[in-house]
């Protein structure tokens, strides 16, 4: 978001009229813990194996069950197919994932780890997305549904839902600005 858009967004926001209501600090602290864990984990992945946390998460999901389709991988990562497809394309380019026609249905493309991808996973740290996904899966369905509805209200109210959510800390497509500088979306 550009600085003008941020100023416009800030000017539309209601100005707090005193201390935040009880519980707001605790909710924000929980979100801070989650985001920090994801950010630190992504940085660790980048430093140790040269991949984003999202790319490492996709590799780890593929290691658990492969071959699989993009749709199956999207379900395992709890995201949409377009987000997974972008990450998979980057991993294919780097030689860590292979795309191949299915042996049972030639119209279907299956993904699998390459030797390079397996070797990389042997020295890779565990990604925070795994822990977060496991914690969410262990919630009773009633609590998970309530959390989903409440977070959806927060997202709607904070005007951050402009596009489909990508995997955590995976850069978007590169845009080229005037004068040749590059910016990730």
N, C-alpha and C. Protein backbone atom coordinates (compact mmCIF):
# COMPACT_ATOMS: atom_id res chain seq x y z
N UNK A 1 0.85 -1.16 0.00
CA UNK A 1 0.00 0.00 0.00
C UNK A 1 0.90 1.22 0.00
N UNK A 2 0.62 2.17 -0.88
CA UNK A 2 1.43 3.38 -0.97
C UNK A 2 1.16 4.32 0.17
N UNK A 3 2.04 5.34 0.32
CA UNK A 3 1.89 6.27 1.44
C UNK A 3 0.59 7.07 1.33
N UNK A 4 0.16 7.42 0.11
CA UNK A 4 -1.11 8.14 -0.03
C UNK A 4 -2.28 7.28 0.42
N UNK A 5 -2.25 6.01 0.04
CA UNK A 5 -3.33 5.10 0.44
C UNK A 5 -3.34 4.92 1.95
N UNK A 6 -2.15 4.84 2.56
CA UNK A 6 -2.08 4.72 4.01
C UNK A 6 -2.66 5.95 4.69
N UNK A 7 -2.34 7.14 4.17
CA UNK A 7 -2.87 8.37 4.75
C UNK A 7 -4.40 8.41 4.61
N UNK A 8 -4.91 8.02 3.43
CA UNK A 8 -6.35 7.99 3.23
C UNK A 8 -7.00 7.01 4.20
N UNK A 9 -6.40 5.83 4.34
CA UNK A 9 -6.93 4.82 5.24
C UNK A 9 -6.90 5.31 6.69
N UNK A 10 -5.80 5.96 7.08
CA UNK A 10 -5.67 6.46 8.44
C UNK A 10 -6.69 7.56 8.71
N UNK A 11 -6.98 8.38 7.71
CA UNK A 11 -7.92 9.47 7.92
C UNK A 11 -9.35 8.96 8.07
N UNK A 12 -9.66 7.79 7.52
CA UNK A 12 -11.00 7.22 7.65
C UNK A 12 -11.18 6.50 8.98
N UNK A 13 -10.08 6.12 9.62
CA UNK A 13 -10.15 5.34 10.84
C UNK A 13 -10.68 6.19 11.99
N UNK A 14 -11.53 5.61 12.84
CA UNK A 14 -11.98 6.37 14.01
C UNK A 14 -10.79 6.56 14.97
N UNK A 15 -10.75 7.70 15.61
CA UNK A 15 -9.67 8.00 16.54
C UNK A 15 -10.04 7.42 17.90
N UNK A 16 -9.13 6.62 18.51
CA UNK A 16 -9.44 6.09 19.83
C UNK A 16 -9.71 7.23 20.82
N UNK A 17 -10.68 7.02 21.70
CA UNK A 17 -11.08 8.08 22.64
C UNK A 17 -10.63 7.78 24.05
N UNK A 18 -9.64 6.98 24.22
CA UNK A 18 -9.16 6.64 25.56
C UNK A 18 -8.52 5.27 25.53
N UNK A 19 -8.39 4.67 26.69
CA UNK A 19 -7.77 3.34 26.72
C UNK A 19 -8.61 2.33 25.93
N UNK A 20 -7.93 1.36 25.38
CA UNK A 20 -8.62 0.30 24.64
C UNK A 20 -9.50 -0.49 25.59
N UNK A 21 -10.62 -1.01 25.09
CA UNK A 21 -11.49 -1.83 25.94
C UNK A 21 -10.75 -3.04 26.49
N UNK A 22 -11.21 -3.58 27.62
CA UNK A 22 -10.55 -4.76 28.20
C UNK A 22 -10.48 -5.89 27.17
N UNK A 23 -9.38 -6.59 27.15
CA UNK A 23 -9.19 -7.72 26.24
C UNK A 23 -8.49 -7.37 24.94
N UNK A 24 -8.53 -6.12 24.52
CA UNK A 24 -7.91 -5.74 23.25
C UNK A 24 -6.40 -6.00 23.30
N UNK A 25 -5.77 -5.60 24.41
CA UNK A 25 -4.33 -5.81 24.54
C UNK A 25 -3.98 -7.30 24.45
N UNK A 26 -4.76 -8.14 25.11
CA UNK A 26 -4.49 -9.58 25.10
C UNK A 26 -4.65 -10.16 23.70
N UNK A 27 -5.68 -9.72 22.99
CA UNK A 27 -5.87 -10.19 21.61
C UNK A 27 -4.71 -9.75 20.73
N UNK A 28 -4.35 -8.48 20.84
CA UNK A 28 -3.22 -7.98 20.03
C UNK A 28 -1.92 -8.69 20.39
N UNK A 29 -1.70 -8.96 21.68
CA UNK A 29 -0.49 -9.68 22.08
C UNK A 29 -0.48 -11.09 21.51
N UNK A 30 -1.62 -11.76 21.49
CA UNK A 30 -1.69 -13.09 20.88
C UNK A 30 -1.35 -13.02 19.39
N UNK A 31 -1.93 -12.03 18.70
CA UNK A 31 -1.62 -11.86 17.28
C UNK A 31 -0.13 -11.54 17.09
N UNK A 32 0.42 -10.71 17.95
CA UNK A 32 1.85 -10.37 17.86
C UNK A 32 2.71 -11.61 18.02
N UNK A 33 2.35 -12.48 18.99
CA UNK A 33 3.11 -13.72 19.19
C UNK A 33 3.08 -14.59 17.93
N UNK A 34 1.90 -14.72 17.35
CA UNK A 34 1.75 -15.56 16.16
C UNK A 34 2.55 -14.98 14.99
N UNK A 35 2.37 -13.69 14.73
CA UNK A 35 3.06 -13.05 13.60
C UNK A 35 4.58 -13.10 13.80
N UNK A 36 5.03 -12.84 15.03
CA UNK A 36 6.47 -12.87 15.30
C UNK A 36 7.02 -14.28 15.06
N UNK A 37 6.32 -15.29 15.54
CA UNK A 37 6.75 -16.67 15.34
C UNK A 37 6.87 -17.00 13.86
N UNK A 38 5.88 -16.58 13.09
CA UNK A 38 5.91 -16.83 11.64
C UNK A 38 7.05 -16.07 10.97
N UNK A 39 7.26 -14.80 11.37
CA UNK A 39 8.32 -13.98 10.78
C UNK A 39 9.70 -14.54 11.12
N UNK A 40 9.91 -14.87 12.41
CA UNK A 40 11.21 -15.42 12.84
C UNK A 40 11.46 -16.75 12.15
N UNK A 41 10.43 -17.58 12.05
CA UNK A 41 10.59 -18.86 11.36
C UNK A 41 10.92 -18.70 9.90
N UNK A 42 10.31 -17.73 9.26
CA UNK A 42 10.59 -17.48 7.85
C UNK A 42 12.03 -16.99 7.66
N UNK A 43 12.46 -16.11 8.55
CA UNK A 43 13.85 -15.62 8.48
C UNK A 43 14.85 -16.76 8.70
N UNK A 44 14.53 -17.64 9.65
CA UNK A 44 15.41 -18.79 9.91
C UNK A 44 15.50 -19.68 8.68
N UNK A 45 14.37 -19.90 8.02
CA UNK A 45 14.37 -20.72 6.80
C UNK A 45 15.24 -20.06 5.74
N UNK A 46 15.09 -18.75 5.57
CA UNK A 46 15.87 -18.03 4.56
C UNK A 46 17.36 -18.13 4.86
N UNK A 47 17.73 -17.98 6.13
CA UNK A 47 19.15 -18.03 6.50
C UNK A 47 19.73 -19.43 6.40
N UNK A 48 18.95 -20.44 6.81
CA UNK A 48 19.49 -21.80 6.84
C UNK A 48 19.44 -22.52 5.52
N UNK A 49 18.38 -22.31 4.74
CA UNK A 49 18.25 -23.07 3.49
C UNK A 49 17.97 -22.21 2.27
N UNK A 50 17.86 -20.90 2.44
CA UNK A 50 17.67 -20.01 1.30
C UNK A 50 16.28 -20.00 0.71
N UNK A 51 15.28 -20.45 1.47
CA UNK A 51 13.89 -20.43 1.01
C UNK A 51 13.05 -19.61 1.97
N UNK A 52 11.93 -19.11 1.48
CA UNK A 52 10.99 -18.43 2.38
C UNK A 52 10.33 -19.49 3.26
N UNK A 53 9.72 -19.03 4.35
CA UNK A 53 8.99 -19.95 5.21
C UNK A 53 7.87 -20.64 4.47
N UNK A 54 7.20 -19.91 3.56
CA UNK A 54 6.11 -20.50 2.77
C UNK A 54 6.64 -21.61 1.86
N UNK A 55 7.78 -21.37 1.23
CA UNK A 55 8.36 -22.39 0.34
C UNK A 55 8.76 -23.63 1.14
N UNK A 56 9.34 -23.42 2.30
CA UNK A 56 9.74 -24.55 3.13
C UNK A 56 8.51 -25.31 3.63
N UNK A 57 7.46 -24.58 4.00
CA UNK A 57 6.21 -25.21 4.44
C UNK A 57 5.64 -26.10 3.34
N UNK A 58 5.63 -25.61 2.11
CA UNK A 58 5.12 -26.39 0.98
C UNK A 58 5.99 -27.64 0.77
N UNK A 59 7.30 -27.49 0.86
CA UNK A 59 8.19 -28.66 0.72
C UNK A 59 7.90 -29.68 1.81
N UNK A 60 7.73 -29.22 3.04
CA UNK A 60 7.47 -30.15 4.14
C UNK A 60 6.13 -30.86 3.96
N UNK A 61 5.14 -30.15 3.45
CA UNK A 61 3.85 -30.80 3.16
C UNK A 61 3.99 -31.84 2.05
N UNK A 62 4.77 -31.51 1.03
CA UNK A 62 5.01 -32.47 -0.05
C UNK A 62 5.78 -33.69 0.45
N UNK A 63 6.67 -33.50 1.41
CA UNK A 63 7.45 -34.61 1.95
C UNK A 63 6.57 -35.61 2.67
N UNK A 64 5.47 -35.13 3.25
CA UNK A 64 4.56 -36.01 3.98
C UNK A 64 3.75 -36.90 3.04
N UNK A 65 3.38 -36.35 1.89
CA UNK A 65 2.63 -37.14 0.92
C UNK A 65 2.87 -36.60 -0.47
N UNK A 66 3.49 -37.42 -1.25
CA UNK A 66 3.84 -37.01 -2.60
C UNK A 66 3.84 -38.28 -3.43
N UNK A 67 3.43 -38.27 -4.65
CA UNK A 67 2.99 -37.09 -5.41
C UNK A 67 1.59 -36.66 -5.00
N UNK A 68 1.29 -35.39 -5.31
CA UNK A 68 -0.05 -34.87 -5.09
C UNK A 68 -0.31 -33.74 -6.09
N UNK A 69 -1.56 -33.36 -6.20
CA UNK A 69 -1.94 -32.28 -7.12
C UNK A 69 -1.83 -30.93 -6.39
N UNK A 70 -1.91 -29.85 -7.13
CA UNK A 70 -1.91 -28.52 -6.54
C UNK A 70 -3.12 -28.37 -5.61
N UNK A 71 -4.26 -28.89 -6.02
CA UNK A 71 -5.45 -28.83 -5.18
C UNK A 71 -5.27 -29.55 -3.85
N UNK A 72 -4.68 -30.74 -3.91
CA UNK A 72 -4.42 -31.49 -2.67
C UNK A 72 -3.43 -30.75 -1.78
N UNK A 73 -2.41 -30.16 -2.40
CA UNK A 73 -1.41 -29.41 -1.65
C UNK A 73 -2.04 -28.15 -1.03
N UNK A 74 -2.92 -27.50 -1.76
CA UNK A 74 -3.63 -26.33 -1.22
C UNK A 74 -4.45 -26.73 0.01
N UNK A 75 -5.09 -27.87 -0.05
CA UNK A 75 -5.87 -28.34 1.10
C UNK A 75 -4.96 -28.62 2.29
N UNK A 76 -3.80 -29.21 2.05
CA UNK A 76 -2.86 -29.51 3.14
C UNK A 76 -2.26 -28.26 3.76
N UNK A 77 -2.10 -27.22 2.97
CA UNK A 77 -1.54 -25.96 3.49
C UNK A 77 -2.62 -25.00 3.95
N UNK A 78 -3.88 -25.40 3.80
CA UNK A 78 -5.04 -24.60 4.20
C UNK A 78 -5.03 -23.23 3.53
N UNK A 79 -4.76 -23.23 2.23
CA UNK A 79 -4.78 -21.99 1.45
C UNK A 79 -5.40 -22.27 0.10
N UNK A 80 -5.43 -21.27 -0.76
CA UNK A 80 -6.06 -21.48 -2.06
C UNK A 80 -5.03 -21.94 -3.10
N UNK A 81 -5.54 -22.51 -4.19
CA UNK A 81 -4.69 -23.09 -5.22
C UNK A 81 -3.76 -22.07 -5.87
N UNK A 82 -4.24 -20.84 -6.08
CA UNK A 82 -3.40 -19.84 -6.74
C UNK A 82 -2.18 -19.50 -5.90
N UNK A 83 -2.34 -19.40 -4.58
CA UNK A 83 -1.20 -19.11 -3.70
C UNK A 83 -0.18 -20.24 -3.73
N UNK A 84 -0.68 -21.47 -3.63
CA UNK A 84 0.22 -22.63 -3.65
C UNK A 84 0.91 -22.73 -5.00
N UNK A 85 0.19 -22.45 -6.06
CA UNK A 85 0.76 -22.55 -7.41
C UNK A 85 1.94 -21.61 -7.59
N UNK A 86 1.84 -20.40 -7.04
CA UNK A 86 2.94 -19.42 -7.13
C UNK A 86 4.17 -19.96 -6.41
N UNK A 87 3.97 -20.50 -5.21
CA UNK A 87 5.08 -21.03 -4.43
C UNK A 87 5.68 -22.25 -5.13
N UNK A 88 4.83 -23.13 -5.63
CA UNK A 88 5.31 -24.33 -6.33
C UNK A 88 6.14 -23.93 -7.56
N UNK A 89 5.69 -22.94 -8.30
CA UNK A 89 6.44 -22.49 -9.48
C UNK A 89 7.85 -22.06 -9.10
N UNK A 90 7.97 -21.36 -7.99
CA UNK A 90 9.30 -20.93 -7.51
C UNK A 90 10.15 -22.13 -7.13
N UNK A 91 9.52 -23.13 -6.51
CA UNK A 91 10.26 -24.33 -6.11
C UNK A 91 10.66 -25.18 -7.31
N UNK A 92 9.81 -25.21 -8.34
CA UNK A 92 10.14 -25.93 -9.57
C UNK A 92 11.33 -25.26 -10.24
N UNK A 93 11.30 -23.93 -10.31
CA UNK A 93 12.40 -23.17 -10.92
C UNK A 93 13.72 -23.44 -10.20
N UNK A 94 13.66 -23.60 -8.88
CA UNK A 94 14.88 -23.85 -8.10
C UNK A 94 15.29 -25.32 -8.11
N UNK A 95 14.47 -26.18 -8.71
CA UNK A 95 14.82 -27.59 -8.82
C UNK A 95 14.47 -28.44 -7.63
N UNK A 96 13.61 -27.95 -6.73
CA UNK A 96 13.25 -28.71 -5.53
C UNK A 96 11.95 -29.49 -5.68
N UNK A 97 11.14 -29.12 -6.66
CA UNK A 97 9.87 -29.80 -6.91
C UNK A 97 9.78 -30.11 -8.40
N UNK A 98 9.16 -31.26 -8.70
CA UNK A 98 8.97 -31.68 -10.08
C UNK A 98 7.48 -31.74 -10.38
N UNK A 99 7.11 -31.23 -11.55
CA UNK A 99 5.73 -31.37 -12.06
C UNK A 99 5.76 -32.46 -13.12
N UNK A 100 4.78 -33.36 -13.05
CA UNK A 100 4.71 -34.43 -14.05
C UNK A 100 3.26 -34.83 -14.25
N UNK A 101 2.96 -35.29 -15.45
CA UNK A 101 1.61 -35.79 -15.73
C UNK A 101 1.36 -37.02 -14.86
N UNK A 102 0.16 -37.12 -14.33
CA UNK A 102 -0.22 -38.26 -13.50
C UNK A 102 -0.16 -39.54 -14.33
N UNK A 103 0.26 -40.63 -13.69
CA UNK A 103 0.31 -41.91 -14.39
C UNK A 103 -1.09 -42.49 -14.57
N UNK A 104 -2.02 -42.08 -13.72
CA UNK A 104 -3.38 -42.60 -13.81
C UNK A 104 -4.31 -41.71 -14.61
N UNK A 105 -4.02 -40.41 -14.67
CA UNK A 105 -4.86 -39.46 -15.41
C UNK A 105 -3.95 -38.42 -16.04
N UNK A 106 -3.67 -38.57 -17.31
CA UNK A 106 -2.72 -37.70 -18.02
C UNK A 106 -3.14 -36.23 -18.03
N UNK A 107 -4.41 -35.94 -17.76
CA UNK A 107 -4.87 -34.54 -17.73
C UNK A 107 -4.46 -33.86 -16.43
N UNK A 108 -4.08 -34.65 -15.44
CA UNK A 108 -3.77 -34.15 -14.10
C UNK A 108 -2.25 -34.02 -13.93
N UNK A 109 -1.81 -32.93 -13.31
CA UNK A 109 -0.39 -32.72 -13.03
C UNK A 109 -0.13 -33.02 -11.56
N UNK A 110 0.88 -33.83 -11.32
CA UNK A 110 1.25 -34.18 -9.96
C UNK A 110 2.58 -33.54 -9.59
N UNK A 111 2.70 -33.22 -8.32
CA UNK A 111 3.90 -32.60 -7.78
C UNK A 111 4.62 -33.60 -6.89
N UNK A 112 5.93 -33.57 -6.96
CA UNK A 112 6.73 -34.42 -6.07
C UNK A 112 8.05 -33.73 -5.79
N UNK A 113 8.67 -34.15 -4.70
CA UNK A 113 9.97 -33.60 -4.33
C UNK A 113 11.05 -34.18 -5.23
N UNK A 114 12.04 -33.38 -5.53
CA UNK A 114 13.22 -33.87 -6.24
C UNK A 114 14.25 -34.30 -5.20
N UNK A 115 15.32 -34.86 -5.65
CA UNK A 115 16.42 -35.23 -4.76
C UNK A 115 16.94 -33.98 -4.03
N UNK A 116 17.02 -32.88 -4.77
CA UNK A 116 17.46 -31.61 -4.20
C UNK A 116 16.51 -31.14 -3.09
N UNK A 117 15.21 -31.28 -3.32
CA UNK A 117 14.22 -30.89 -2.32
C UNK A 117 14.32 -31.73 -1.06
N UNK A 118 14.53 -33.03 -1.23
CA UNK A 118 14.69 -33.92 -0.06
C UNK A 118 15.95 -33.58 0.72
N UNK A 119 17.04 -33.33 0.02
CA UNK A 119 18.30 -32.99 0.68
C UNK A 119 18.16 -31.68 1.46
N UNK A 120 17.48 -30.73 0.88
CA UNK A 120 17.28 -29.45 1.54
C UNK A 120 16.48 -29.63 2.84
N UNK A 121 15.46 -30.47 2.81
CA UNK A 121 14.63 -30.69 4.00
C UNK A 121 15.40 -31.33 5.15
N UNK A 122 16.44 -32.08 4.83
CA UNK A 122 17.23 -32.73 5.88
C UNK A 122 17.93 -31.72 6.77
N UNK A 123 18.24 -30.55 6.25
CA UNK A 123 18.94 -29.55 7.05
C UNK A 123 18.06 -28.35 7.40
N UNK A 124 16.79 -28.43 7.06
CA UNK A 124 15.87 -27.30 7.26
C UNK A 124 15.24 -27.30 8.65
N UNK A 125 14.95 -26.11 9.17
CA UNK A 125 14.23 -26.02 10.44
C UNK A 125 12.75 -26.34 10.24
N UNK A 126 12.06 -26.66 11.31
CA UNK A 126 10.60 -26.86 11.24
C UNK A 126 9.97 -25.47 11.10
N UNK A 127 8.95 -25.37 10.27
CA UNK A 127 8.31 -24.08 10.04
C UNK A 127 7.19 -23.84 11.05
N UNK A 128 6.98 -22.58 11.39
CA UNK A 128 5.96 -22.20 12.36
C UNK A 128 4.55 -22.49 11.85
N UNK A 129 4.37 -22.49 10.53
CA UNK A 129 3.04 -22.77 9.98
C UNK A 129 2.53 -24.13 10.43
N UNK A 130 3.45 -25.10 10.54
CA UNK A 130 3.06 -26.44 10.98
C UNK A 130 2.47 -26.41 12.38
N UNK A 131 3.15 -25.71 13.28
CA UNK A 131 2.68 -25.62 14.66
C UNK A 131 1.34 -24.90 14.73
N UNK A 132 1.20 -23.82 13.97
CA UNK A 132 -0.04 -23.05 13.96
C UNK A 132 -1.19 -23.89 13.40
N UNK A 133 -0.95 -24.58 12.31
CA UNK A 133 -1.97 -25.43 11.70
C UNK A 133 -2.40 -26.54 12.66
N UNK A 134 -1.43 -27.16 13.32
CA UNK A 134 -1.74 -28.23 14.28
C UNK A 134 -2.57 -27.69 15.44
N UNK A 135 -2.20 -26.53 15.97
CA UNK A 135 -2.96 -25.94 17.08
C UNK A 135 -4.39 -25.63 16.67
N UNK A 136 -4.58 -25.10 15.47
CA UNK A 136 -5.92 -24.80 14.98
C UNK A 136 -6.74 -26.07 14.76
N UNK A 137 -6.09 -27.11 14.21
CA UNK A 137 -6.79 -28.37 13.97
C UNK A 137 -7.24 -29.04 15.26
N UNK A 138 -6.56 -28.76 16.36
CA UNK A 138 -6.90 -29.37 17.64
C UNK A 138 -8.03 -28.66 18.38
N UNK A 139 -8.43 -27.47 17.89
CA UNK A 139 -9.55 -26.78 18.51
C UNK A 139 -10.85 -27.52 18.22
N UNK A 140 -11.77 -27.55 19.18
CA UNK A 140 -13.09 -28.11 18.89
C UNK A 140 -13.73 -27.31 17.75
N UNK A 141 -14.52 -27.98 16.91
CA UNK A 141 -15.08 -27.32 15.72
C UNK A 141 -15.90 -26.09 16.07
N UNK A 142 -16.60 -26.10 17.20
CA UNK A 142 -17.38 -24.93 17.61
C UNK A 142 -16.46 -23.73 17.87
N UNK A 143 -15.35 -23.96 18.57
CA UNK A 143 -14.40 -22.88 18.86
C UNK A 143 -13.71 -22.40 17.59
N UNK A 144 -13.35 -23.34 16.73
CA UNK A 144 -12.71 -22.96 15.47
C UNK A 144 -13.65 -22.11 14.62
N UNK A 145 -14.91 -22.49 14.56
CA UNK A 145 -15.90 -21.70 13.82
C UNK A 145 -16.06 -20.30 14.40
N UNK A 146 -16.11 -20.21 15.73
CA UNK A 146 -16.24 -18.90 16.38
C UNK A 146 -15.01 -18.04 16.10
N UNK A 147 -13.83 -18.63 16.21
CA UNK A 147 -12.59 -17.90 15.93
C UNK A 147 -12.57 -17.40 14.49
N UNK A 148 -12.99 -18.24 13.58
CA UNK A 148 -13.03 -17.87 12.16
C UNK A 148 -13.96 -16.69 11.93
N UNK A 149 -15.15 -16.75 12.51
CA UNK A 149 -16.11 -15.65 12.34
C UNK A 149 -15.60 -14.35 12.96
N UNK A 150 -15.01 -14.44 14.14
CA UNK A 150 -14.51 -13.24 14.82
C UNK A 150 -13.35 -12.63 14.04
N UNK A 151 -12.41 -13.45 13.59
CA UNK A 151 -11.28 -12.92 12.82
C UNK A 151 -11.74 -12.32 11.49
N UNK A 152 -12.76 -12.92 10.88
CA UNK A 152 -13.30 -12.36 9.64
C UNK A 152 -13.87 -10.96 9.90
N UNK A 153 -14.53 -10.77 11.03
CA UNK A 153 -15.04 -9.44 11.39
C UNK A 153 -13.90 -8.45 11.59
N UNK A 154 -12.82 -8.89 12.24
CA UNK A 154 -11.67 -8.03 12.47
C UNK A 154 -11.04 -7.64 11.14
N UNK A 155 -10.88 -8.60 10.24
CA UNK A 155 -10.31 -8.32 8.92
C UNK A 155 -11.19 -7.34 8.16
N UNK A 156 -12.48 -7.57 8.15
CA UNK A 156 -13.41 -6.66 7.46
C UNK A 156 -13.36 -5.27 8.06
N UNK A 157 -13.35 -5.18 9.38
CA UNK A 157 -13.35 -3.89 10.05
C UNK A 157 -12.06 -3.12 9.92
N UNK A 158 -10.95 -3.83 9.68
CA UNK A 158 -9.66 -3.15 9.57
C UNK A 158 -9.27 -2.89 8.12
N UNK A 159 -10.12 -3.26 7.19
CA UNK A 159 -9.93 -2.98 5.76
C UNK A 159 -8.61 -3.54 5.21
N UNK A 160 -8.25 -4.76 5.64
CA UNK A 160 -7.03 -5.38 5.13
C UNK A 160 -7.31 -6.52 4.15
N UNK A 161 -8.54 -6.75 3.79
CA UNK A 161 -8.91 -7.89 2.95
C UNK A 161 -9.05 -7.52 1.48
N UNK A 162 -8.09 -6.82 0.93
CA UNK A 162 -8.19 -6.35 -0.45
C UNK A 162 -7.97 -7.45 -1.48
N UNK A 163 -7.28 -8.51 -1.12
CA UNK A 163 -6.97 -9.57 -2.10
C UNK A 163 -6.98 -10.92 -1.40
N UNK A 164 -6.90 -11.98 -2.19
CA UNK A 164 -6.87 -13.32 -1.62
C UNK A 164 -5.62 -13.48 -0.76
N UNK A 165 -5.75 -14.09 0.41
CA UNK A 165 -4.58 -14.25 1.27
C UNK A 165 -3.58 -15.25 0.69
N UNK A 166 -2.32 -14.88 0.76
CA UNK A 166 -1.23 -15.75 0.29
C UNK A 166 -0.68 -16.52 1.49
N UNK A 167 0.21 -17.43 1.22
CA UNK A 167 0.90 -18.12 2.31
C UNK A 167 1.70 -17.09 3.10
N UNK A 168 1.89 -17.34 4.38
CA UNK A 168 2.60 -16.40 5.25
C UNK A 168 3.99 -16.08 4.74
N UNK A 169 4.31 -14.81 4.67
CA UNK A 169 5.63 -14.27 4.35
C UNK A 169 6.19 -14.76 3.02
N UNK A 170 5.29 -14.94 2.06
CA UNK A 170 5.72 -15.24 0.70
C UNK A 170 5.49 -13.97 -0.11
N UNK A 171 6.53 -13.49 -0.74
CA UNK A 171 6.42 -12.27 -1.54
C UNK A 171 5.42 -12.47 -2.66
N UNK A 172 4.71 -11.40 -2.97
CA UNK A 172 3.80 -11.43 -4.10
C UNK A 172 4.56 -11.25 -5.39
N UNK A 173 3.85 -11.06 -6.49
CA UNK A 173 4.52 -10.86 -7.77
C UNK A 173 5.30 -9.55 -7.76
N UNK A 174 6.36 -9.52 -8.52
CA UNK A 174 7.19 -8.33 -8.60
C UNK A 174 6.57 -7.35 -9.58
N UNK A 175 6.40 -6.12 -9.14
CA UNK A 175 5.90 -5.06 -10.01
C UNK A 175 7.06 -4.16 -10.38
N UNK A 176 7.04 -3.65 -11.58
CA UNK A 176 8.10 -2.75 -12.01
C UNK A 176 7.54 -1.35 -11.97
N UNK A 177 8.19 -0.47 -11.21
CA UNK A 177 7.78 0.92 -11.13
C UNK A 177 8.48 1.71 -12.22
N UNK A 178 8.04 2.95 -12.40
CA UNK A 178 8.76 3.85 -13.29
C UNK A 178 10.18 3.97 -12.78
N UNK A 179 11.12 4.29 -13.56
CA UNK A 179 12.53 4.42 -13.22
C UNK A 179 13.17 3.07 -12.90
N UNK A 180 12.51 1.96 -13.18
CA UNK A 180 13.14 0.65 -13.10
C UNK A 180 13.28 0.03 -11.72
N UNK A 181 12.81 0.67 -10.65
CA UNK A 181 12.91 0.03 -9.35
C UNK A 181 11.84 -1.06 -9.25
N UNK A 182 12.10 -2.07 -8.43
CA UNK A 182 11.18 -3.19 -8.31
C UNK A 182 10.55 -3.18 -6.91
N UNK A 183 9.32 -3.66 -6.87
CA UNK A 183 8.60 -3.71 -5.61
C UNK A 183 7.79 -5.00 -5.58
N UNK A 184 7.85 -5.70 -4.43
CA UNK A 184 7.03 -6.91 -4.25
C UNK A 184 5.69 -6.51 -3.72
N UNK A 185 4.64 -7.20 -4.19
CA UNK A 185 3.29 -6.93 -3.72
C UNK A 185 2.89 -8.01 -2.74
